[in-house]
C-alpha atoms as a PDB file:
ATOM      1  CA  MET A   1       2.665  17.234   9.512  1.00  0.00           C
ATOM      2  CA  ALA A   2       4.492  15.119   6.926  1.00  0.00           C
ATOM      3  CA  GLN A   3       3.168  15.242   3.393  1.00  0.00           C
ATOM      4  CA  GLN A   4       0.868  12.349   2.496  1.00  0.00           C
ATOM      5  CA  VAL A   5       2.067  10.261  -0.444  1.00  0.00           C
ATOM      6  CA  ALA A   6      -0.212   8.055  -2.538  1.00  0.00           C
ATOM      7  CA  VAL A   7       1.595   5.471  -4.659  1.00  0.00           C
ATOM      8  CA  ILE A   8      -0.209   4.224  -7.772  1.00  0.00           C
ATOM      9  CA  ILE A   9       1.542   1.331  -9.524  1.00  0.00           C
ATOM     10  CA  GLY A  10       0.143   1.047 -13.028  1.00  0.00           C
ATOM     11  CA  SER A  11      -1.032   4.185 -14.833  1.00  0.00           C
ATOM     12  CA  GLY A  12      -3.582   2.694 -17.218  1.00  0.00           C
ATOM     13  CA  GLY A  13      -7.335   3.245 -17.084  1.00  0.00           C
ATOM     14  CA  ILE A  14      -7.999   2.118 -13.516  1.00  0.00           C
ATOM     15  CA  GLY A  15      -4.694   3.457 -12.162  1.00  0.00           C
ATOM     16  CA  SER A  16      -5.287   6.900 -13.637  1.00  0.00           C
ATOM     17  CA  ALA A  17      -8.863   6.994 -12.326  1.00  0.00           C
ATOM     18  CA  ILE A  18      -7.690   6.135  -8.811  1.00  0.00           C
ATOM     19  CA  ALA A  19      -4.949   8.753  -9.024  1.00  0.00           C
ATOM     20  CA  ARG A  20      -7.495  11.404 -10.038  1.00  0.00           C
ATOM     21  CA  ARG A  21      -9.709  10.365  -7.135  1.00  0.00           C
ATOM     22  CA  LEU A  22      -6.905  10.565  -4.568  1.00  0.00           C
ATOM     23  CA  GLY A  23      -5.308  13.753  -5.842  1.00  0.00           C
ATOM     24  CA  PRO A  24      -4.791  16.613  -5.201  1.00  0.00           C
ATOM     25  CA  ALA A  25      -5.085  15.752  -1.496  1.00  0.00           C
ATOM     26  CA  ALA A  26      -1.833  13.760  -1.663  1.00  0.00           C
ATOM     27  CA  HIS A  27       1.467  13.832  -3.467  1.00  0.00           C
ATOM     28  CA  LEU A  28       0.964  11.235  -6.198  1.00  0.00           C
ATOM     29  CA  LEU A  29       3.817   8.895  -7.066  1.00  0.00           C
ATOM     30  CA  ILE A  30       2.775   7.235 -10.329  1.00  0.00           C
ATOM     31  CA  ALA A  31       4.808   4.234 -11.474  1.00  0.00           C
ATOM     32  CA  ASP A  32       4.638   2.197 -14.665  1.00  0.00           C
ATOM     33  CA  HIS A  33       6.798   0.096 -16.973  1.00  0.00           C
ATOM     34  CA  ASP A  34       5.484   1.871 -20.072  1.00  0.00           C
ATOM     35  CA  ARG A  35       7.093   5.294 -20.190  1.00  0.00           C
ATOM     36  CA  GLN A  36       4.630   6.716 -22.709  1.00  0.00           C
ATOM     37  CA  THR A  37       1.592   5.683 -20.670  1.00  0.00           C
ATOM     38  CA  LEU A  38       3.284   7.068 -17.564  1.00  0.00           C
ATOM     39  CA  HIS A  39       3.999  10.411 -19.229  1.00  0.00           C
ATOM     40  CA  SER A  40       0.428  10.738 -20.517  1.00  0.00           C
ATOM     41  CA  ALA A  41      -1.045   9.984 -17.103  1.00  0.00           C
ATOM     42  CA  ALA A  42       1.258  12.451 -15.348  1.00  0.00           C
ATOM     43  CA  THR A  43       0.463  15.198 -17.840  1.00  0.00           C
ATOM     44  CA  GLU A  44      -3.274  14.725 -17.294  1.00  0.00           C
ATOM     45  CA  LEU A  45      -2.899  14.699 -13.506  1.00  0.00           C
ATOM     46  CA  ASP A  46      -0.674  17.767 -13.489  1.00  0.00           C
ATOM     47  CA  GLY A  47      -3.275  19.552 -15.588  1.00  0.00           C
ATOM     48  CA  ALA A  48      -5.898  18.673 -12.995  1.00  0.00           C
ATOM     49  CA  GLY A  49      -3.890  20.395 -10.278  1.00  0.00           C
ATOM     50  CA  CYS A  50      -2.253  17.333  -8.756  1.00  0.00           C
ATOM     51  CA  THR A  51       1.292  17.191  -7.429  1.00  0.00           C
ATOM     52  CA  THR A  52       2.776  14.290  -9.344  1.00  0.00           C
ATOM     53  CA  THR A  53       6.086  12.448  -9.396  1.00  0.00           C
ATOM     54  CA  THR A  54       6.701   9.641 -11.872  1.00  0.00           C
ATOM     55  CA  ALA A  55       8.839   6.529 -11.625  1.00  0.00           C
ATOM     56  CA  HIS A  56       9.711   3.836 -14.115  1.00  0.00           C
ATOM     57  CA  VAL A  57       9.287   0.443 -12.452  1.00  0.00           C
ATOM     58  CA  ASP A  58       9.649  -3.199 -13.395  1.00  0.00           C
ATOM     59  CA  VAL A  59       7.302  -4.970 -10.993  1.00  0.00           C
ATOM     60  CA  GLY A  60       9.010  -8.295 -11.702  1.00  0.00           C
ATOM     61  CA  SER A  61      12.328  -6.978 -10.394  1.00  0.00           C
ATOM     62  CA  PRO A  62      12.900  -6.980  -6.623  1.00  0.00           C
ATOM     63  CA  GLU A  63      15.523  -4.257  -7.014  1.00  0.00           C
ATOM     64  CA  SER A  64      13.169  -2.033  -8.986  1.00  0.00           C
ATOM     65  CA  VAL A  65      10.306  -2.434  -6.502  1.00  0.00           C
ATOM     66  CA  THR A  66      12.648  -1.789  -3.571  1.00  0.00           C
ATOM     67  CA  ALA A  67      13.843   1.407  -5.244  1.00  0.00           C
ATOM     68  CA  LEU A  68      10.243   2.510  -5.752  1.00  0.00           C
ATOM     69  CA  ALA A  69       9.402   1.952  -2.088  1.00  0.00           C
ATOM     70  CA  ARG A  70      12.439   3.982  -1.042  1.00  0.00           C
ATOM     71  CA  GLN A  71      11.512   6.770  -3.429  1.00  0.00           C
ATOM     72  CA  ALA A  72       7.996   6.881  -2.017  1.00  0.00           C
ATOM     73  CA  ASP A  73       9.334   7.057   1.527  1.00  0.00           C
ATOM     74  CA  SER A  74      11.638   9.913   0.573  1.00  0.00           C
ATOM     75  CA  LEU A  75       8.703  12.015  -0.648  1.00  0.00           C
ATOM     76  CA  GLY A  76       6.810  12.017   2.624  1.00  0.00           C
ATOM     77  CA  GLU A  77       4.487   9.851   4.683  1.00  0.00           C
ATOM     78  CA  VAL A  78       3.271   6.921   2.564  1.00  0.00           C
ATOM     79  CA  GLY A  79      -0.443   6.816   3.311  1.00  0.00           C
ATOM     80  CA  SER A  80      -1.784   4.859   0.333  1.00  0.00           C
ATOM     81  CA  VAL A  81      -0.388   2.179  -1.972  1.00  0.00           C
ATOM     82  CA  VAL A  82      -2.425   0.897  -4.905  1.00  0.00           C
ATOM     83  CA  TYR A  83      -1.326  -1.921  -7.231  1.00  0.00           C
ATOM     84  CA  THR A  84      -3.184  -1.717 -10.541  1.00  0.00           C
ATOM     85  CA  ALA A  85      -0.483  -3.080 -12.854  1.00  0.00           C
ATOM     86  CA  GLY A  86      -1.591  -6.149 -14.735  1.00  0.00           C
ATOM     87  CA  LEU A  87      -1.532  -8.120 -17.955  1.00  0.00           C
ATOM     88  CA  SER A  88      -4.682  -9.707 -19.291  1.00  0.00           C
ATOM     89  CA  PRO A  89      -4.750 -13.014 -21.188  1.00  0.00           C
ATOM     90  CA  VAL A  90      -4.905 -11.288 -24.587  1.00  0.00           C
ATOM     91  CA  GLN A  91      -1.869  -9.164 -23.818  1.00  0.00           C
ATOM     92  CA  ALA A  92       0.826 -11.634 -22.813  1.00  0.00           C
ATOM     93  CA  ASP A  93       1.987 -15.215 -22.497  1.00  0.00           C
ATOM     94  CA  VAL A  94       1.801 -17.340 -19.358  1.00  0.00           C
ATOM     95  CA  SER A  95       5.232 -16.356 -18.026  1.00  0.00           C
ATOM     96  CA  ALA A  96       4.570 -12.636 -18.352  1.00  0.00           C
ATOM     97  CA  VAL A  97       1.128 -12.920 -16.734  1.00  0.00           C
ATOM     98  CA  LEU A  98       2.617 -14.759 -13.750  1.00  0.00           C
ATOM     99  CA  THR A  99       5.427 -12.215 -13.439  1.00  0.00           C
ATOM    100  CA  VAL A 100       3.229  -9.121 -13.428  1.00  0.00           C
ATOM    101  CA  ASP A 101      -0.002 -10.426 -11.918  1.00  0.00           C
ATOM    102  CA  LEU A 102       1.493 -12.733  -9.270  1.00  0.00           C
ATOM    103  CA  LEU A 103       5.120 -11.886  -8.531  1.00  0.00           C
ATOM    104  CA  GLY A 104       4.622  -8.129  -8.900  1.00  0.00           C
ATOM    105  CA  VAL A 105       1.832  -8.094  -6.336  1.00  0.00           C
ATOM    106  CA  ALA A 106       3.888 -10.126  -3.863  1.00  0.00           C
ATOM    107  CA  LEU A 107       6.955  -7.913  -4.234  1.00  0.00           C
ATOM    108  CA  VAL A 108       4.973  -4.711  -3.745  1.00  0.00           C
ATOM    109  CA  ILE A 109       3.168  -6.090  -0.689  1.00  0.00           C
ATOM    110  CA  GLU A 110       6.491  -7.101   0.885  1.00  0.00           C
ATOM    111  CA  GLU A 111       8.458  -3.960   0.103  1.00  0.00           C
ATOM    112  CA  PHE A 112       5.773  -1.419   0.948  1.00  0.00           C
ATOM    113  CA  ALA A 113       5.035  -3.114   4.261  1.00  0.00           C
ATOM    114  CA  GLU A 114       8.359  -1.570   5.305  1.00  0.00           C
ATOM    115  CA  VAL A 115       7.422   2.015   4.434  1.00  0.00           C
ATOM    116  CA  ILE A 116       3.633   2.294   4.812  1.00  0.00           C
ATOM    117  CA  ALA A 117       2.770   4.789   7.524  1.00  0.00           C
ATOM    118  CA  PRO A 118       0.716   3.896  10.607  1.00  0.00           C
ATOM    119  CA  GLY A 119      -2.887   4.438   9.631  1.00  0.00           C
ATOM    120  CA  GLY A 120      -2.048   3.893   5.980  1.00  0.00           C
ATOM    121  CA  ALA A 121      -3.705   1.426   3.643  1.00  0.00           C
ATOM    122  CA  GLY A 122      -3.076  -0.583   0.510  1.00  0.00           C
ATOM    123  CA  VAL A 123      -5.307  -1.886  -2.263  1.00  0.00           C
ATOM    124  CA  VAL A 124      -4.463  -4.593  -4.787  1.00  0.00           C
ATOM    125  CA  ILE A 125      -6.534  -4.699  -7.951  1.00  0.00           C
ATOM    126  CA  ALA A 126      -7.334  -8.367  -8.517  1.00  0.00           C
ATOM    127  CA  SER A 127     -10.181  -9.577 -10.768  1.00  0.00           C
ATOM    128  CA  MET A 128     -13.541 -11.292 -10.727  1.00  0.00           C
ATOM    129  CA  ALA A 129     -11.615 -14.117 -12.429  1.00  0.00           C
ATOM    130  CA  ALA A 130     -10.321 -14.940  -8.947  1.00  0.00           C
ATOM    131  CA  HIS A 131     -13.856 -15.847  -7.950  1.00  0.00           C
ATOM    132  CA  GLY A 132     -14.191 -18.226 -10.894  1.00  0.00           C
ATOM    133  CA  HIS A 133     -11.076 -20.165  -9.925  1.00  0.00           C
ATOM    134  CA  PRO A 134     -11.767 -23.450  -8.069  1.00  0.00           C
ATOM    135  CA  GLY A 135      -9.328 -22.583  -5.311  1.00  0.00           C
ATOM    136  CA  PHE A 136      -6.357 -24.411  -3.839  1.00  0.00           C
ATOM    137  CA  ALA A 137      -5.727 -27.289  -1.479  1.00  0.00           C
ATOM    138  CA  PRO A 138      -4.785 -26.011   2.005  1.00  0.00           C
ATOM    139  CA  GLU A 139      -1.046 -26.728   1.743  1.00  0.00           C
ATOM    140  CA  LEU A 140      -0.783 -25.048  -1.648  1.00  0.00           C
ATOM    141  CA  ALA A 141      -2.891 -22.119  -0.491  1.00  0.00           C
ATOM    142  CA  GLY A 142      -0.482 -21.638   2.398  1.00  0.00           C
ATOM    143  CA  GLN A 143       2.496 -21.589   0.043  1.00  0.00           C
ATOM    144  CA  LEU A 144       0.907 -19.076  -2.305  1.00  0.00           C
ATOM    145  CA  ALA A 145      -0.124 -16.878   0.620  1.00  0.00           C
ATOM    146  CA  THR A 146       3.148 -16.763   2.537  1.00  0.00           C
ATOM    147  CA  ALA A 147       6.101 -17.947   0.434  1.00  0.00           C
ATOM    148  CA  PRO A 148       8.715 -15.206   0.109  1.00  0.00           C
ATOM    149  CA  ALA A 149       8.017 -13.272  -3.075  1.00  0.00           C
ATOM    150  CA  ALA A 150      11.414 -14.157  -4.515  1.00  0.00           C
ATOM    151  CA  GLU A 151      10.487 -17.855  -4.329  1.00  0.00           C
ATOM    152  CA  LEU A 152       6.972 -17.682  -5.801  1.00  0.00           C
ATOM    153  CA  LEU A 153       7.898 -18.399  -9.399  1.00  0.00           C
ATOM    154  CA  SER A 154      10.147 -21.276  -8.315  1.00  0.00           C
ATOM    155  CA  LEU A 155       7.257 -23.268  -6.862  1.00  0.00           C
ATOM    156  CA  PRO A 156       6.278 -26.337  -8.933  1.00  0.00           C
ATOM    157  CA  VAL A 157       2.719 -25.038  -9.224  1.00  0.00           C
ATOM    158  CA  THR A 158       3.879 -21.836 -10.948  1.00  0.00           C
ATOM    159  CA  ASP A 159       5.829 -23.630 -13.680  1.00  0.00           C
ATOM    160  CA  PRO A 160       4.493 -22.062 -16.911  1.00  0.00           C
ATOM    161  CA  ALA A 161       4.324 -25.513 -18.492  1.00  0.00           C
ATOM    162  CA  GLY A 162       1.523 -26.388 -16.083  1.00  0.00           C
ATOM    163  CA  PHE A 163      -0.892 -23.808 -17.516  1.00  0.00           C
ATOM    164  CA  ALA A 164      -3.025 -24.524 -20.561  1.00  0.00           C
ATOM    165  CA  ASP A 165      -3.070 -20.886 -21.656  1.00  0.00           C
ATOM    166  CA  PRO A 166      -2.680 -17.320 -20.328  1.00  0.00           C
ATOM    167  CA  GLY A 167      -6.300 -17.281 -19.182  1.00  0.00           C
ATOM    168  CA  HIS A 168      -5.649 -20.091 -16.729  1.00  0.00           C
ATOM    169  CA  ALA A 169      -2.517 -18.334 -15.474  1.00  0.00           C
ATOM    170  CA  TYR A 170      -4.496 -15.122 -15.039  1.00  0.00           C
ATOM    171  CA  SER A 171      -7.262 -16.624 -12.890  1.00  0.00           C
ATOM    172  CA  PHE A 172      -4.640 -18.548 -10.890  1.00  0.00           C
ATOM    173  CA  ALA A 173      -2.653 -15.375 -10.197  1.00  0.00           C
ATOM    174  CA  LYS A 174      -5.707 -13.352  -9.245  1.00  0.00           C
ATOM    175  CA  ARG A 175      -6.941 -16.045  -6.851  1.00  0.00           C
ATOM    176  CA  ALA A 176      -3.484 -16.150  -5.297  1.00  0.00           C
ATOM    177  CA  ASN A 177      -3.608 -12.349  -4.912  1.00  0.00           C
ATOM    178  CA  LEU A 178      -6.549 -12.706  -2.545  1.00  0.00           C
ATOM    179  CA  LEU A 179      -4.523 -15.127  -0.425  1.00  0.00           C
ATOM    180  CA  ARG A 180      -1.484 -12.812  -0.384  1.00  0.00           C
ATOM    181  CA  VAL A 181      -3.612  -9.869   0.717  1.00  0.00           C
ATOM    182  CA  GLN A 182      -5.287 -11.897   3.444  1.00  0.00           C
ATOM    183  CA  ALA A 183      -1.920 -13.031   4.816  1.00  0.00           C
ATOM    184  CA  ALA A 184      -0.416  -9.553   4.443  1.00  0.00           C
ATOM    185  CA  SER A 185      -3.114  -8.069   6.654  1.00  0.00           C
ATOM    186  CA  ARG A 186      -1.136  -9.406   9.609  1.00  0.00           C
ATOM    187  CA  THR A 187       2.234  -8.047   8.503  1.00  0.00           C
ATOM    188  CA  TRP A 188       0.831  -4.666   7.511  1.00  0.00           C
ATOM    189  CA  GLY A 189      -1.196  -4.608  10.718  1.00  0.00           C
ATOM    190  CA  ALA A 190       2.013  -4.918  12.718  1.00  0.00           C
ATOM    191  CA  ASN A 191       2.862  -1.482  11.325  1.00  0.00           C
ATOM    192  CA  GLY A 192      -0.597  -0.086  12.021  1.00  0.00           C
ATOM    193  CA  ALA A 193      -1.701  -0.288   8.389  1.00  0.00           C
ATOM    194  CA  ARG A 194      -4.419  -2.115   6.455  1.00  0.00           C
ATOM    195  CA  ILE A 195      -4.509  -3.887   3.082  1.00  0.00           C
ATOM    196  CA  ASN A 196      -7.389  -5.175   0.950  1.00  0.00           C
ATOM    197  CA  SER A 197      -8.094  -6.150  -2.637  1.00  0.00           C
ATOM    198  CA  ILE A 198     -10.720  -5.231  -5.208  1.00  0.00           C
ATOM    199  CA  SER A 199     -11.942  -7.697  -7.822  1.00  0.00           C
ATOM    200  CA  PRO A 200     -13.321  -5.675 -10.731  1.00  0.00           C
ATOM    201  CA  GLY A 201     -15.654  -7.206 -13.239  1.00  0.00           C
ATOM    202  CA  ILE A 202     -15.627  -6.250 -16.907  1.00  0.00           C
ATOM    203  CA  ILE A 203     -14.549  -2.608 -16.974  1.00  0.00           C
ATOM    204  CA  GLU A 204     -14.603  -0.088 -19.810  1.00  0.00           C
ATOM    205  CA  THR A 205     -10.849   0.387 -20.168  1.00  0.00           C
ATOM    206  CA  PRO A 206      -8.492  -0.371 -23.067  1.00  0.00           C
ATOM    207  CA  MET A 207      -7.650  -3.695 -21.399  1.00  0.00           C
ATOM    208  CA  GLY A 208     -11.307  -4.539 -20.922  1.00  0.00           C
ATOM    209  CA  ARG A 209     -12.154  -3.677 -24.510  1.00  0.00           C
ATOM    210  CA  ALA A 210      -9.261  -5.820 -25.750  1.00  0.00           C
ATOM    211  CA  GLU A 211     -10.625  -8.775 -23.793  1.00  0.00           C
ATOM    212  CA  LEU A 212     -14.125  -8.214 -25.187  1.00  0.00           C
ATOM    213  CA  ALA A 213     -12.648  -8.288 -28.679  1.00  0.00           C
ATOM    214  CA  GLY A 214     -10.708 -11.471 -27.963  1.00  0.00           C
ATOM    215  CA  ARG A 215     -11.499 -15.151 -27.706  1.00  0.00           C
ATOM    216  CA  SER A 216     -13.353 -14.754 -24.416  1.00  0.00           C
ATOM    217  CA  GLY A 217     -15.527 -11.927 -25.749  1.00  0.00           C
ATOM    218  CA  PRO A 218     -18.751 -13.942 -26.242  1.00  0.00           C
ATOM    219  CA  ASP A 219     -18.584 -15.368 -22.715  1.00  0.00           C
ATOM    220  CA  MET A 220     -17.879 -11.940 -21.270  1.00  0.00           C
ATOM    221  CA  ARG A 221     -20.814 -10.371 -23.103  1.00  0.00           C
ATOM    222  CA  ALA A 222     -23.045 -13.160 -21.780  1.00  0.00           C
ATOM    223  CA  MET A 223     -21.867 -12.343 -18.249  1.00  0.00           C
ATOM    224  CA  ILE A 224     -22.693  -8.676 -18.764  1.00  0.00           C
ATOM    225  CA  ALA A 225     -26.146  -9.524 -20.096  1.00  0.00           C
ATOM    226  CA  ALA A 226     -26.893 -11.818 -17.139  1.00  0.00           C
ATOM    227  CA  SER A 227     -25.562  -9.441 -14.490  1.00  0.00           C
ATOM    228  CA  ASN A 228     -27.601  -7.207 -12.217  1.00  0.00           C
ATOM    229  CA  ALA A 229     -26.116  -4.073 -13.787  1.00  0.00           C
ATOM    230  CA  GLY A 230     -26.459  -5.260 -17.375  1.00  0.00           C
ATOM    231  CA  ARG A 231     -23.445  -3.202 -18.448  1.00  0.00           C
ATOM    232  CA  PRO A 232     -19.689  -3.007 -18.044  1.00  0.00           C
ATOM    233  CA  GLY A 233     -18.300  -1.017 -15.151  1.00  0.00           C
ATOM    234  CA  THR A 234     -16.225   2.133 -15.365  1.00  0.00           C
ATOM    235  CA  ALA A 235     -12.783   2.951 -14.067  1.00  0.00           C
ATOM    236  CA  THR A 236     -14.367   5.711 -11.982  1.00  0.00           C
ATOM    237  CA  GLU A 237     -16.513   3.148 -10.148  1.00  0.00           C
ATOM    238  CA  ILE A 238     -13.417   1.130  -9.270  1.00  0.00           C
ATOM    239  CA  ALA A 239     -11.703   4.328  -8.130  1.00  0.00           C
ATOM    240  CA  GLU A 240     -14.591   5.073  -5.770  1.00  0.00           C
ATOM    241  CA  ALA A 241     -14.305   1.579  -4.281  1.00  0.00           C
ATOM    242  CA  ALA A 242     -10.565   2.066  -3.830  1.00  0.00           C
ATOM    243  CA  ALA A 243     -11.058   5.453  -2.184  1.00  0.00           C
ATOM    244  CA  PHE A 244     -13.461   3.851   0.283  1.00  0.00           C
ATOM    245  CA  LEU A 245     -11.043   1.045   1.213  1.00  0.00           C
ATOM    246  CA  LEU A 246      -8.158   3.483   1.540  1.00  0.00           C
ATOM    247  CA  GLY A 247     -10.104   5.978   3.626  1.00  0.00           C
ATOM    248  CA  PRO A 248     -11.194   6.304   7.264  1.00  0.00           C
ATOM    249  CA  ALA A 249     -14.663   4.881   6.599  1.00  0.00           C
ATOM    250  CA  ALA A 250     -12.991   1.495   6.055  1.00  0.00           C
ATOM    251  CA  SER A 251     -10.781   1.630   9.148  1.00  0.00           C
ATOM    252  CA  PHE A 252     -12.169  -1.720  10.394  1.00  0.00           C
ATOM    253  CA  ILE A 253     -11.701  -3.512   7.045  1.00  0.00           C
ATOM    254  CA  SER A 254      -8.503  -5.422   6.293  1.00  0.00           C
ATOM    255  CA  GLY A 255      -7.452  -8.654   4.628  1.00  0.00           C
ATOM    256  CA  THR A 256     -10.547  -9.011   2.492  1.00  0.00           C
ATOM    257  CA  ASP A 257     -11.677  -8.674  -1.126  1.00  0.00           C
ATOM    258  CA  LEU A 258     -14.351  -6.363  -2.491  1.00  0.00           C
ATOM    259  CA  LEU A 259     -16.036  -7.786  -5.602  1.00  0.00           C
ATOM    260  CA  VAL A 260     -17.091  -4.889  -7.857  1.00  0.00           C
ATOM    261  CA  ASP A 261     -18.563  -6.621 -10.882  1.00  0.00           C
ATOM    262  CA  GLY A 262     -22.148  -5.428 -11.267  1.00  0.00           C
ATOM    263  CA  GLY A 263     -23.413  -8.783 -10.031  1.00  0.00           C
ATOM    264  CA  ALA A 264     -21.810 -10.862 -12.792  1.00  0.00           C
ATOM    265  CA  VAL A 265     -20.375 -13.524 -10.486  1.00  0.00           C
ATOM    266  CA  ALA A 266     -23.652 -13.739  -8.558  1.00  0.00           C
ATOM    267  CA  ALA A 267     -25.501 -14.382 -11.810  1.00  0.00           C
ATOM    268  CA  PHE A 268     -23.495 -17.526 -12.414  1.00  0.00           C
ATOM    269  CA  SER A 269     -23.276 -18.797  -8.823  1.00  0.00           C
END
């Protein structure tokens, strides 16, 4: 039997938690743009008994993502692909948010559709911000769902000048992620694989804490207070959701989004 490979793109708080959850049952290919974060994650995983390979990747580069997919395929049977890379509104400008949170997702979905094994599955980490976005007119939704990844940032609607701030670009990108995943269910299904997304709420990670300390902090704390859970989530809870969607218990689930936010969105619906 070929060795199972689990690809984790983004080695921050959620990415590392998912890698710990999936290993050591699979060969972990951990990819990130930040070499220091990548090294730290790999060291921790190796210490936990996981078999780990690292790769430096630029998710905004088609060539870099293609190389990552080929590397994954060379390691064994690609059974799981998880996209956790992302930039929050306090971390980057509009252009960078669109590159990582929109283009990166589209490139990974396209390239890994070519190497995912039959029976394999993918998960894209989106955000509860997707559920706060008003949505798109049908024609625009179709473009965002199916336009070739290389053309996404050339669409008039993705012109950075059209966004008031990085927060608007972030919610736009995350809403578009749900559309890409829904459309990709058909292309991945042609290869016998599944793909879904997870929309985390406010999670106790460095990114989440940075957002709580930023301009949106008061609104986010109000959401936590009004939610069913009454607290932020943890990276481990997102990892458990990912493990479910990637595993055999979710074999009849594809093309959908799992909102894991402690009831925050429901509180404001």
